C-alpha atoms as a PDB file:
ATOM      1  CA  UNK A   1     -16.130  14.823 -13.733  1.00  0.00           C
ATOM      2  CA  UNK A   2     -12.647  13.638 -12.776  1.00  0.00           C
ATOM      3  CA  UNK A   3     -10.248  14.407 -15.614  1.00  0.00           C
ATOM      4  CA  UNK A   4      -7.468  12.003 -14.629  1.00  0.00           C
ATOM      5  CA  UNK A   5      -8.699   9.250 -12.287  1.00  0.00           C
ATOM      6  CA  UNK A   6      -5.845   8.140 -10.016  1.00  0.00           C
ATOM      7  CA  UNK A   7      -4.598   4.601  -9.616  1.00  0.00           C
ATOM      8  CA  UNK A   8      -4.794   2.914  -6.228  1.00  0.00           C
ATOM      9  CA  UNK A   9      -2.434   0.327  -4.780  1.00  0.00           C
ATOM     10  CA  UNK A  10      -5.284  -1.753  -3.420  1.00  0.00           C
ATOM     11  CA  UNK A  11      -7.884  -1.718  -0.683  1.00  0.00           C
ATOM     12  CA  UNK A  12      -7.366   0.608   2.302  1.00  0.00           C
ATOM     13  CA  UNK A  13      -8.415  -2.079   4.796  1.00  0.00           C
ATOM     14  CA  UNK A  14      -8.399  -5.865   4.998  1.00  0.00           C
ATOM     15  CA  UNK A  15     -12.114  -6.485   5.063  1.00  0.00           C
ATOM     16  CA  UNK A  16     -15.096  -7.753   3.099  1.00  0.00           C
ATOM     17  CA  UNK A  17     -16.909  -5.288   0.845  1.00  0.00           C
ATOM     18  CA  UNK A  18     -20.439  -4.948   2.189  1.00  0.00           C
ATOM     19  CA  UNK A  19     -21.690  -2.252  -0.181  1.00  0.00           C
ATOM     20  CA  UNK A  20     -20.625  -1.399  -3.708  1.00  0.00           C
ATOM     21  CA  UNK A  21     -20.590   1.749  -5.776  1.00  0.00           C
ATOM     22  CA  UNK A  22     -24.078   2.579  -7.116  1.00  0.00           C
ATOM     23  CA  UNK A  23     -25.875   0.132  -4.833  1.00  0.00           C
ATOM     24  CA  UNK A  24     -29.420   1.090  -3.861  1.00  0.00           C
ATOM     25  CA  UNK A  25     -29.347   2.178  -0.234  1.00  0.00           C
ATOM     26  CA  UNK A  26     -33.062   2.589   0.296  1.00  0.00           C
ATOM     27  CA  UNK A  27     -33.774   5.552  -1.908  1.00  0.00           C
ATOM     28  CA  UNK A  28     -30.312   6.779  -2.871  1.00  0.00           C
ATOM     29  CA  UNK A  29     -27.425   5.352  -4.830  1.00  0.00           C
ATOM     30  CA  UNK A  30     -24.266   4.621  -2.873  1.00  0.00           C
ATOM     31  CA  UNK A  31     -21.356   6.916  -3.849  1.00  0.00           C
ATOM     32  CA  UNK A  32     -18.475   4.720  -2.711  1.00  0.00           C
ATOM     33  CA  UNK A  33     -17.493   1.365  -1.232  1.00  0.00           C
ATOM     34  CA  UNK A  34     -18.374   0.150   2.235  1.00  0.00           C
ATOM     35  CA  UNK A  35     -16.106  -2.329   4.032  1.00  0.00           C
ATOM     36  CA  UNK A  36     -17.420  -4.424   6.906  1.00  0.00           C
ATOM     37  CA  UNK A  37     -14.784  -3.865   9.595  1.00  0.00           C
ATOM     38  CA  UNK A  38     -14.404  -4.422  13.307  1.00  0.00           C
ATOM     39  CA  UNK A  39     -13.856  -1.247  15.300  1.00  0.00           C
ATOM     40  CA  UNK A  40     -10.177  -0.449  15.540  1.00  0.00           C
ATOM     41  CA  UNK A  41      -9.100  -2.035  12.250  1.00  0.00           C
ATOM     42  CA  UNK A  42      -6.022  -0.306  10.712  1.00  0.00           C
ATOM     43  CA  UNK A  43      -6.665   2.061   7.817  1.00  0.00           C
ATOM     44  CA  UNK A  44      -3.795   2.577   5.364  1.00  0.00           C
ATOM     45  CA  UNK A  45      -3.452   5.126   2.585  1.00  0.00           C
ATOM     46  CA  UNK A  46      -3.862   3.291  -0.723  1.00  0.00           C
ATOM     47  CA  UNK A  47      -2.783   6.007  -3.159  1.00  0.00           C
ATOM     48  CA  UNK A  48       0.260   5.470  -5.390  1.00  0.00           C
ATOM     49  CA  UNK A  49       2.090   8.649  -4.381  1.00  0.00           C
ATOM     50  CA  UNK A  50       2.458  11.108  -1.537  1.00  0.00           C
ATOM     51  CA  UNK A  51      -0.658  13.302  -1.271  1.00  0.00           C
ATOM     52  CA  UNK A  52      -2.040  16.186   0.768  1.00  0.00           C
ATOM     53  CA  UNK A  53      -4.512  15.549   3.595  1.00  0.00           C
ATOM     54  CA  UNK A  54      -7.514  17.898   3.340  1.00  0.00           C
ATOM     55  CA  UNK A  55     -10.168  19.134   5.717  1.00  0.00           C
ATOM     56  CA  UNK A  56     -13.203  16.980   4.857  1.00  0.00           C
ATOM     57  CA  UNK A  57     -16.576  18.617   4.387  1.00  0.00           C
ATOM     58  CA  UNK A  58     -18.682  16.949   7.030  1.00  0.00           C
ATOM     59  CA  UNK A  59     -22.226  17.641   8.148  1.00  0.00           C
ATOM     60  CA  UNK A  60     -21.848  14.951  10.792  1.00  0.00           C
ATOM     61  CA  UNK A  61     -22.860  12.029   8.611  1.00  0.00           C
ATOM     62  CA  UNK A  62     -19.256  10.979   7.933  1.00  0.00           C
ATOM     63  CA  UNK A  63     -18.287  11.048  11.610  1.00  0.00           C
ATOM     64  CA  UNK A  64     -14.528  11.108  12.113  1.00  0.00           C
ATOM     65  CA  UNK A  65     -13.018  11.128   8.620  1.00  0.00           C
ATOM     66  CA  UNK A  66      -9.825  11.612   6.622  1.00  0.00           C
ATOM     67  CA  UNK A  67      -9.918  13.347   3.243  1.00  0.00           C
ATOM     68  CA  UNK A  68      -7.025  13.281   0.772  1.00  0.00           C
ATOM     69  CA  UNK A  69      -6.384  15.230  -2.436  1.00  0.00           C
ATOM     70  CA  UNK A  70      -5.338  12.463  -4.869  1.00  0.00           C
ATOM     71  CA  UNK A  71      -4.517  14.867  -7.686  1.00  0.00           C
ATOM     72  CA  UNK A  72      -6.015  15.000 -11.164  1.00  0.00           C
ATOM     73  CA  UNK A  73      -9.208  16.472  -9.773  1.00  0.00           C
ATOM     74  CA  UNK A  74      -9.892  13.508  -7.493  1.00  0.00           C
ATOM     75  CA  UNK A  75     -10.551  13.630  -3.758  1.00  0.00           C
ATOM     76  CA  UNK A  76     -10.885  10.621  -1.449  1.00  0.00           C
ATOM     77  CA  UNK A  77     -12.638  10.328   1.878  1.00  0.00           C
ATOM     78  CA  UNK A  78     -12.333   7.563   4.466  1.00  0.00           C
ATOM     79  CA  UNK A  79     -15.264   7.896   6.853  1.00  0.00           C
ATOM     80  CA  UNK A  80     -16.806   6.615  10.119  1.00  0.00           C
ATOM     81  CA  UNK A  81     -13.432   6.212  11.832  1.00  0.00           C
ATOM     82  CA  UNK A  82     -12.757   5.596  15.490  1.00  0.00           C
ATOM     83  CA  UNK A  83      -9.710   7.837  15.381  1.00  0.00           C
ATOM     84  CA  UNK A  84      -7.410   9.433  12.823  1.00  0.00           C
ATOM     85  CA  UNK A  85      -3.637   9.845  12.941  1.00  0.00           C
ATOM     86  CA  UNK A  86      -3.229  12.473  10.210  1.00  0.00           C
ATOM     87  CA  UNK A  87      -4.508  16.042  10.063  1.00  0.00           C
ATOM     88  CA  UNK A  88      -5.245  18.499   7.239  1.00  0.00           C
ATOM     89  CA  UNK A  89      -2.096  20.068   5.825  1.00  0.00           C
ATOM     90  CA  UNK A  90       0.032  16.958   6.338  1.00  0.00           C
ATOM     91  CA  UNK A  91       1.268  14.829   3.481  1.00  0.00           C
ATOM     92  CA  UNK A  92       0.479  11.132   3.583  1.00  0.00           C
ATOM     93  CA  UNK A  93       2.636   8.410   1.994  1.00  0.00           C
ATOM     94  CA  UNK A  94       1.532   5.197   0.259  1.00  0.00           C
ATOM     95  CA  UNK A  95       0.885   2.533   2.866  1.00  0.00           C
ATOM     96  CA  UNK A  96       0.944   4.980   5.797  1.00  0.00           C
ATOM     97  CA  UNK A  97      -1.345   4.210   8.739  1.00  0.00           C
ATOM     98  CA  UNK A  98      -3.961   6.985   8.729  1.00  0.00           C
ATOM     99  CA  UNK A  99      -6.325   5.869  11.461  1.00  0.00           C
ATOM    100  CA  UNK A 100      -8.533   3.139  12.881  1.00  0.00           C
ATOM    101  CA  UNK A 101     -11.979   2.226  11.570  1.00  0.00           C
ATOM    102  CA  UNK A 102     -14.987   2.783  13.758  1.00  0.00           C
ATOM    103  CA  UNK A 103     -18.695   3.521  13.937  1.00  0.00           C
ATOM    104  CA  UNK A 104     -18.926   7.325  14.102  1.00  0.00           C
ATOM    105  CA  UNK A 105     -21.390   9.476  12.185  1.00  0.00           C
ATOM    106  CA  UNK A 106     -24.609   8.138  10.680  1.00  0.00           C
ATOM    107  CA  UNK A 107     -24.122   4.387  10.412  1.00  0.00           C
ATOM    108  CA  UNK A 108     -25.966   1.134  10.972  1.00  0.00           C
ATOM    109  CA  UNK A 109     -22.859  -0.564  12.353  1.00  0.00           C
ATOM    110  CA  UNK A 110     -19.055  -0.469  12.264  1.00  0.00           C
ATOM    111  CA  UNK A 111     -17.678  -0.056   8.737  1.00  0.00           C
ATOM    112  CA  UNK A 112     -15.418   2.042   6.526  1.00  0.00           C
ATOM    113  CA  UNK A 113     -16.897   4.217   3.793  1.00  0.00           C
ATOM    114  CA  UNK A 114     -14.376   4.919   1.001  1.00  0.00           C
ATOM    115  CA  UNK A 115     -15.364   7.391  -1.714  1.00  0.00           C
ATOM    116  CA  UNK A 116     -13.616   9.202  -4.567  1.00  0.00           C
ATOM    117  CA  UNK A 117     -15.274  12.387  -5.797  1.00  0.00           C
ATOM    118  CA  UNK A 118     -14.489  15.364  -8.018  1.00  0.00           C
ATOM    119  CA  UNK A 119     -14.841  17.778  -5.095  1.00  0.00           C
ATOM    120  CA  UNK A 120     -13.678  17.931  -1.465  1.00  0.00           C
ATOM    121  CA  UNK A 121     -17.317  18.721  -0.654  1.00  0.00           C
ATOM    122  CA  UNK A 122     -18.229  15.130  -1.648  1.00  0.00           C
ATOM    123  CA  UNK A 123     -21.543  16.100  -3.282  1.00  0.00           C
ATOM    124  CA  UNK A 124     -24.532  13.784  -3.141  1.00  0.00           C
ATOM    125  CA  UNK A 125     -24.927  13.413  -6.925  1.00  0.00           C
ATOM    126  CA  UNK A 126     -23.740   9.948  -7.957  1.00  0.00           C
ATOM    127  CA  UNK A 127     -22.187  11.232 -11.187  1.00  0.00           C
ATOM    128  CA  UNK A 128     -19.780  13.416  -9.176  1.00  0.00           C
ATOM    129  CA  UNK A 129     -18.081  10.284  -7.770  1.00  0.00           C
ATOM    130  CA  UNK A 130     -16.444   7.240  -9.391  1.00  0.00           C
ATOM    131  CA  UNK A 131     -16.159   3.562  -8.560  1.00  0.00           C
ATOM    132  CA  UNK A 132     -12.767   2.988  -6.842  1.00  0.00           C
ATOM    133  CA  UNK A 133     -12.530  -0.726  -7.677  1.00  0.00           C
ATOM    134  CA  UNK A 134     -11.434  -0.419 -11.344  1.00  0.00           C
ATOM    135  CA  UNK A 135      -8.627   1.929 -10.237  1.00  0.00           C
ATOM    136  CA  UNK A 136      -6.928  -0.660  -8.040  1.00  0.00           C
ATOM    137  CA  UNK A 137      -3.672  -2.093  -9.410  1.00  0.00           C
ATOM    138  CA  UNK A 138      -4.448  -5.449  -7.824  1.00  0.00           C
ATOM    139  CA  UNK A 139      -7.289  -5.910 -10.305  1.00  0.00           C
ATOM    140  CA  UNK A 140      -5.296  -5.196 -13.469  1.00  0.00           C
ATOM    141  CA  UNK A 141      -3.573  -8.573 -13.664  1.00  0.00           C
ATOM    142  CA  UNK A 142      -6.304 -10.768 -12.242  1.00  0.00           C
ATOM    143  CA  UNK A 143      -7.100 -12.173  -8.812  1.00  0.00           C
ATOM    144  CA  UNK A 144      -3.751 -13.973  -8.493  1.00  0.00           C
ATOM    145  CA  UNK A 145      -1.859 -10.705  -7.911  1.00  0.00           C
ATOM    146  CA  UNK A 146      -1.044  -9.915  -4.267  1.00  0.00           C
ATOM    147  CA  UNK A 147      -2.559  -6.867  -2.653  1.00  0.00           C
ATOM    148  CA  UNK A 148       0.306  -4.379  -2.980  1.00  0.00           C
ATOM    149  CA  UNK A 149      -0.854  -2.304  -0.037  1.00  0.00           C
ATOM    150  CA  UNK A 150      -0.244  -5.326   2.206  1.00  0.00           C
ATOM    151  CA  UNK A 151       3.339  -5.527   0.959  1.00  0.00           C
ATOM    152  CA  UNK A 152       4.003  -1.828   1.480  1.00  0.00           C
ATOM    153  CA  UNK A 153       2.635  -2.146   5.012  1.00  0.00           C
ATOM    154  CA  UNK A 154       5.687  -4.319   5.769  1.00  0.00           C
ATOM    155  CA  UNK A 155       8.347  -2.072   4.247  1.00  0.00           C
ATOM    156  CA  UNK A 156       9.115  -0.215   7.469  1.00  0.00           C
ATOM    157  CA  UNK A 157       9.568  -3.482   9.340  1.00  0.00           C
ATOM    158  CA  UNK A 158      11.903  -4.789   6.647  1.00  0.00           C
ATOM    159  CA  UNK A 159      14.013  -1.646   6.661  1.00  0.00           C
ATOM    160  CA  UNK A 160      14.162  -1.639  10.463  1.00  0.00           C
ATOM    161  CA  UNK A 161      15.363  -5.239  10.427  1.00  0.00           C
ATOM    162  CA  UNK A 162      18.138  -4.398   7.997  1.00  0.00           C
ATOM    163  CA  UNK A 163      19.150  -1.338   9.988  1.00  0.00           C
ATOM    164  CA  UNK A 164      19.773  -3.587  12.974  1.00  0.00           C
ATOM    165  CA  UNK A 165      22.575  -5.165  10.960  1.00  0.00           C
ATOM    166  CA  UNK A 166      24.538  -1.924  11.262  1.00  0.00           C
ATOM    167  CA  UNK A 167      24.032  -2.073  15.015  1.00  0.00           C
ATOM    168  CA  UNK A 168      26.008  -5.300  15.246  1.00  0.00           C
ATOM    169  CA  UNK A 169      23.174  -7.757  15.767  1.00  0.00           C
ATOM    170  CA  UNK A 170      23.766  -9.424  12.427  1.00  0.00           C
ATOM    171  CA  UNK A 171      21.279 -11.427  10.385  1.00  0.00           C
ATOM    172  CA  UNK A 172      20.361 -15.075  10.088  1.00  0.00           C
ATOM    173  CA  UNK A 173      21.320 -15.821   6.493  1.00  0.00           C
ATOM    174  CA  UNK A 174      21.016 -19.023   4.477  1.00  0.00           C
ATOM    175  CA  UNK A 175      24.321 -19.882   2.752  1.00  0.00           C
ATOM    176  CA  UNK A 176      23.806 -20.067  -1.008  1.00  0.00           C
ATOM    177  CA  UNK A 177      26.234 -20.941  -3.827  1.00  0.00           C
ATOM    178  CA  UNK A 178      28.360 -17.931  -4.725  1.00  0.00           C
ATOM    179  CA  UNK A 179      28.160 -16.456  -1.220  1.00  0.00           C
ATOM    180  CA  UNK A 180      30.664 -18.781   0.459  1.00  0.00           C
ATOM    181  CA  UNK A 181      33.115 -15.942   1.166  1.00  0.00           C
ATOM    182  CA  UNK A 182      30.609 -14.339   3.535  1.00  0.00           C
ATOM    183  CA  UNK A 183      30.358 -17.364   5.838  1.00  0.00           C
ATOM    184  CA  UNK A 184      32.833 -19.173   8.118  1.00  0.00           C
ATOM    185  CA  UNK A 185      35.053 -21.666   6.293  1.00  0.00           C
ATOM    186  CA  UNK A 186      33.406 -25.042   5.859  1.00  0.00           C
ATOM    187  CA  UNK A 187      29.825 -23.764   6.118  1.00  0.00           C
ATOM    188  CA  UNK A 188      27.497 -25.959   4.060  1.00  0.00           C
ATOM    189  CA  UNK A 189      25.633 -24.241   1.217  1.00  0.00           C
ATOM    190  CA  UNK A 190      22.089 -24.881   0.038  1.00  0.00           C
ATOM    191  CA  UNK A 191      20.914 -24.539  -3.591  1.00  0.00           C
ATOM    192  CA  UNK A 192      18.490 -21.776  -4.523  1.00  0.00           C
ATOM    193  CA  UNK A 193      14.881 -22.788  -4.045  1.00  0.00           C
ATOM    194  CA  UNK A 194      15.623 -25.147  -1.148  1.00  0.00           C
ATOM    195  CA  UNK A 195      15.330 -24.677   2.577  1.00  0.00           C
ATOM    196  CA  UNK A 196      18.511 -24.516   4.600  1.00  0.00           C
ATOM    197  CA  UNK A 197      19.916 -23.935   8.050  1.00  0.00           C
ATOM    198  CA  UNK A 198      20.487 -20.213   8.702  1.00  0.00           C
ATOM    199  CA  UNK A 199      23.875 -19.030   9.923  1.00  0.00           C
ATOM    200  CA  UNK A 200      24.298 -15.809  11.911  1.00  0.00           C
ATOM    201  CA  UNK A 201      26.637 -13.356  10.168  1.00  0.00           C
ATOM    202  CA  UNK A 202      27.520  -9.870  11.347  1.00  0.00           C
ATOM    203  CA  UNK A 203      29.141  -6.629  10.348  1.00  0.00           C
ATOM    204  CA  UNK A 204      30.520  -6.162   6.847  1.00  0.00           C
ATOM    205  CA  UNK A 205      29.669  -9.734   5.825  1.00  0.00           C
ATOM    206  CA  UNK A 206      26.028  -9.174   6.769  1.00  0.00           C
ATOM    207  CA  UNK A 207      25.856  -5.908   4.832  1.00  0.00           C
ATOM    208  CA  UNK A 208      27.458  -7.481   1.762  1.00  0.00           C
ATOM    209  CA  UNK A 209      25.025 -10.383   2.001  1.00  0.00           C
ATOM    210  CA  UNK A 210      22.126  -7.923   2.060  1.00  0.00           C
ATOM    211  CA  UNK A 211      23.496  -6.102  -0.986  1.00  0.00           C
ATOM    212  CA  UNK A 212      24.065  -9.271  -3.002  1.00  0.00           C
ATOM    213  CA  UNK A 213      20.605 -10.610  -2.215  1.00  0.00           C
ATOM    214  CA  UNK A 214      19.034  -7.392  -3.479  1.00  0.00           C
ATOM    215  CA  UNK A 215      17.785  -5.631  -0.350  1.00  0.00           C
ATOM    216  CA  UNK A 216      20.472  -3.076   0.395  1.00  0.00           C
ATOM    217  CA  UNK A 217      20.290  -0.783   3.388  1.00  0.00           C
ATOM    218  CA  UNK A 218      20.588   2.060   0.901  1.00  0.00           C
ATOM    219  CA  UNK A 219      17.043   1.310  -0.226  1.00  0.00           C
ATOM    220  CA  UNK A 220      15.299   3.205   2.547  1.00  0.00           C
ATOM    221  CA  UNK A 221      11.561   3.308   3.011  1.00  0.00           C
ATOM    222  CA  UNK A 222      11.042   6.708   1.387  1.00  0.00           C
ATOM    223  CA  UNK A 223      13.189   5.762  -1.625  1.00  0.00           C
ATOM    224  CA  UNK A 224      11.278   2.518  -2.081  1.00  0.00           C
ATOM    225  CA  UNK A 225       7.925   4.287  -1.899  1.00  0.00           C
ATOM    226  CA  UNK A 226       9.082   6.888  -4.431  1.00  0.00           C
ATOM    227  CA  UNK A 227      10.158   4.194  -6.884  1.00  0.00           C
ATOM    228  CA  UNK A 228       6.923   2.250  -6.338  1.00  0.00           C
ATOM    229  CA  UNK A 229       4.942   5.377  -7.192  1.00  0.00           C
ATOM    230  CA  UNK A 230       7.040   5.895 -10.344  1.00  0.00           C
ATOM    231  CA  UNK A 231       6.522   2.303 -11.452  1.00  0.00           C
ATOM    232  CA  UNK A 232       2.814   2.495 -10.770  1.00  0.00           C
ATOM    233  CA  UNK A 233       2.563   5.579 -12.985  1.00  0.00           C
ATOM    234  CA  UNK A 234       4.608   3.858 -15.691  1.00  0.00           C
ATOM    235  CA  UNK A 235       2.222   0.935 -15.446  1.00  0.00           C
ATOM    236  CA  UNK A 236      -0.763   3.237 -15.863  1.00  0.00           C
ATOM    237  CA  UNK A 237       0.802   4.865 -18.930  1.00  0.00           C
ATOM    238  CA  UNK A 238       1.786   1.542 -20.461  1.00  0.00           C
ATOM    239  CA  UNK A 239      -1.626  -0.018 -20.011  1.00  0.00           C
ATOM    240  CA  UNK A 240      -3.092   2.723 -22.126  1.00  0.00           C
ATOM    241  CA  UNK A 241      -0.963   1.721 -25.105  1.00  0.00           C
ATOM    242  CA  UNK A 242       0.521  -1.732 -24.651  1.00  0.00           C
ATOM    243  CA  UNK A 243      -0.676  -4.457 -22.306  1.00  0.00           C
ATOM    244  CA  UNK A 244       2.653  -6.329 -22.462  1.00  0.00           C
ATOM    245  CA  UNK A 245       4.604  -3.252 -21.348  1.00  0.00           C
ATOM    246  CA  UNK A 246       2.099  -2.805 -18.554  1.00  0.00           C
ATOM    247  CA  UNK A 247       2.714  -6.319 -17.297  1.00  0.00           C
ATOM    248  CA  UNK A 248       6.482  -5.757 -17.397  1.00  0.00           C
ATOM    249  CA  UNK A 249       6.110  -2.655 -15.234  1.00  0.00           C
ATOM    250  CA  UNK A 250       3.888  -4.589 -12.832  1.00  0.00           C
ATOM    251  CA  UNK A 251       6.473  -7.368 -12.556  1.00  0.00           C
ATOM    252  CA  UNK A 252       9.209  -4.838 -11.769  1.00  0.00           C
ATOM    253  CA  UNK A 253       6.932  -3.268  -9.175  1.00  0.00           C
ATOM    254  CA  UNK A 254       6.306  -6.626  -7.512  1.00  0.00           C
ATOM    255  CA  UNK A 255      10.031  -7.462  -7.607  1.00  0.00           C
ATOM    256  CA  UNK A 256      10.945  -4.190  -5.904  1.00  0.00           C
ATOM    257  CA  UNK A 257       8.467  -4.822  -3.111  1.00  0.00           C
ATOM    258  CA  UNK A 258       9.728  -8.378  -2.706  1.00  0.00           C
ATOM    259  CA  UNK A 259      13.363  -7.266  -2.526  1.00  0.00           C
ATOM    260  CA  UNK A 260      12.564  -4.522  -0.053  1.00  0.00           C
ATOM    261  CA  UNK A 261      10.869  -7.144   2.070  1.00  0.00           C
ATOM    262  CA  UNK A 262      14.215  -8.818   2.571  1.00  0.00           C
ATOM    263  CA  UNK A 263      13.741 -12.131   0.766  1.00  0.00           C
ATOM    264  CA  UNK A 264      16.604 -14.499   1.490  1.00  0.00           C
END
């Protein structure tokens, strides 16, 4: 049994679930989730914190696979890959690209098998594994919540875009009330919530604009991921005692991701 089941940010791939936990697979009960994927689909780590990549036990049935120690007695495996980009002994971060899905091992077609078990041996007994779906943060607030793993996938691009500001390229910023001092004299402003014509600003003005709009260069990718993991844990703790506190933590989590995205 898994003493402390981990939370997950969302699904590891963007794909339809073709097989659920406990489904009858012609004589045995399925121990994980199967996703119907095209070969070469990106696979991202969907844990809430940095974790250790393990050597997966594999008799050949899993094909190329990635195993991760999620902590709390839980171990995850992502199987039937085309290729993997992480190796045992490395640490993997939330949202990190771990490999590409494929059709290796014993399969009936391309798909991803995702399983969480109480042992890195991934035993065949159904009771040694748990259903990953209830652990996903995206399910806690209903179907209207965005898939957080999709948002984290864009953090590196957002940070890279902001770093280009320091290189002198500037940013295309929409003038808003209260930010007039950052734009050339006479530049028209546009109220919040409306579209507007972007104006290119550079140097110190661009950096100050980024700070005031809430996506400072100081918020690097690793710092953002660390805070996201902390908020996710706070959410897990709060949900156990107070649903309202849990929703507040979730809102802060979503706001952090949105700000890191570089919302203008």
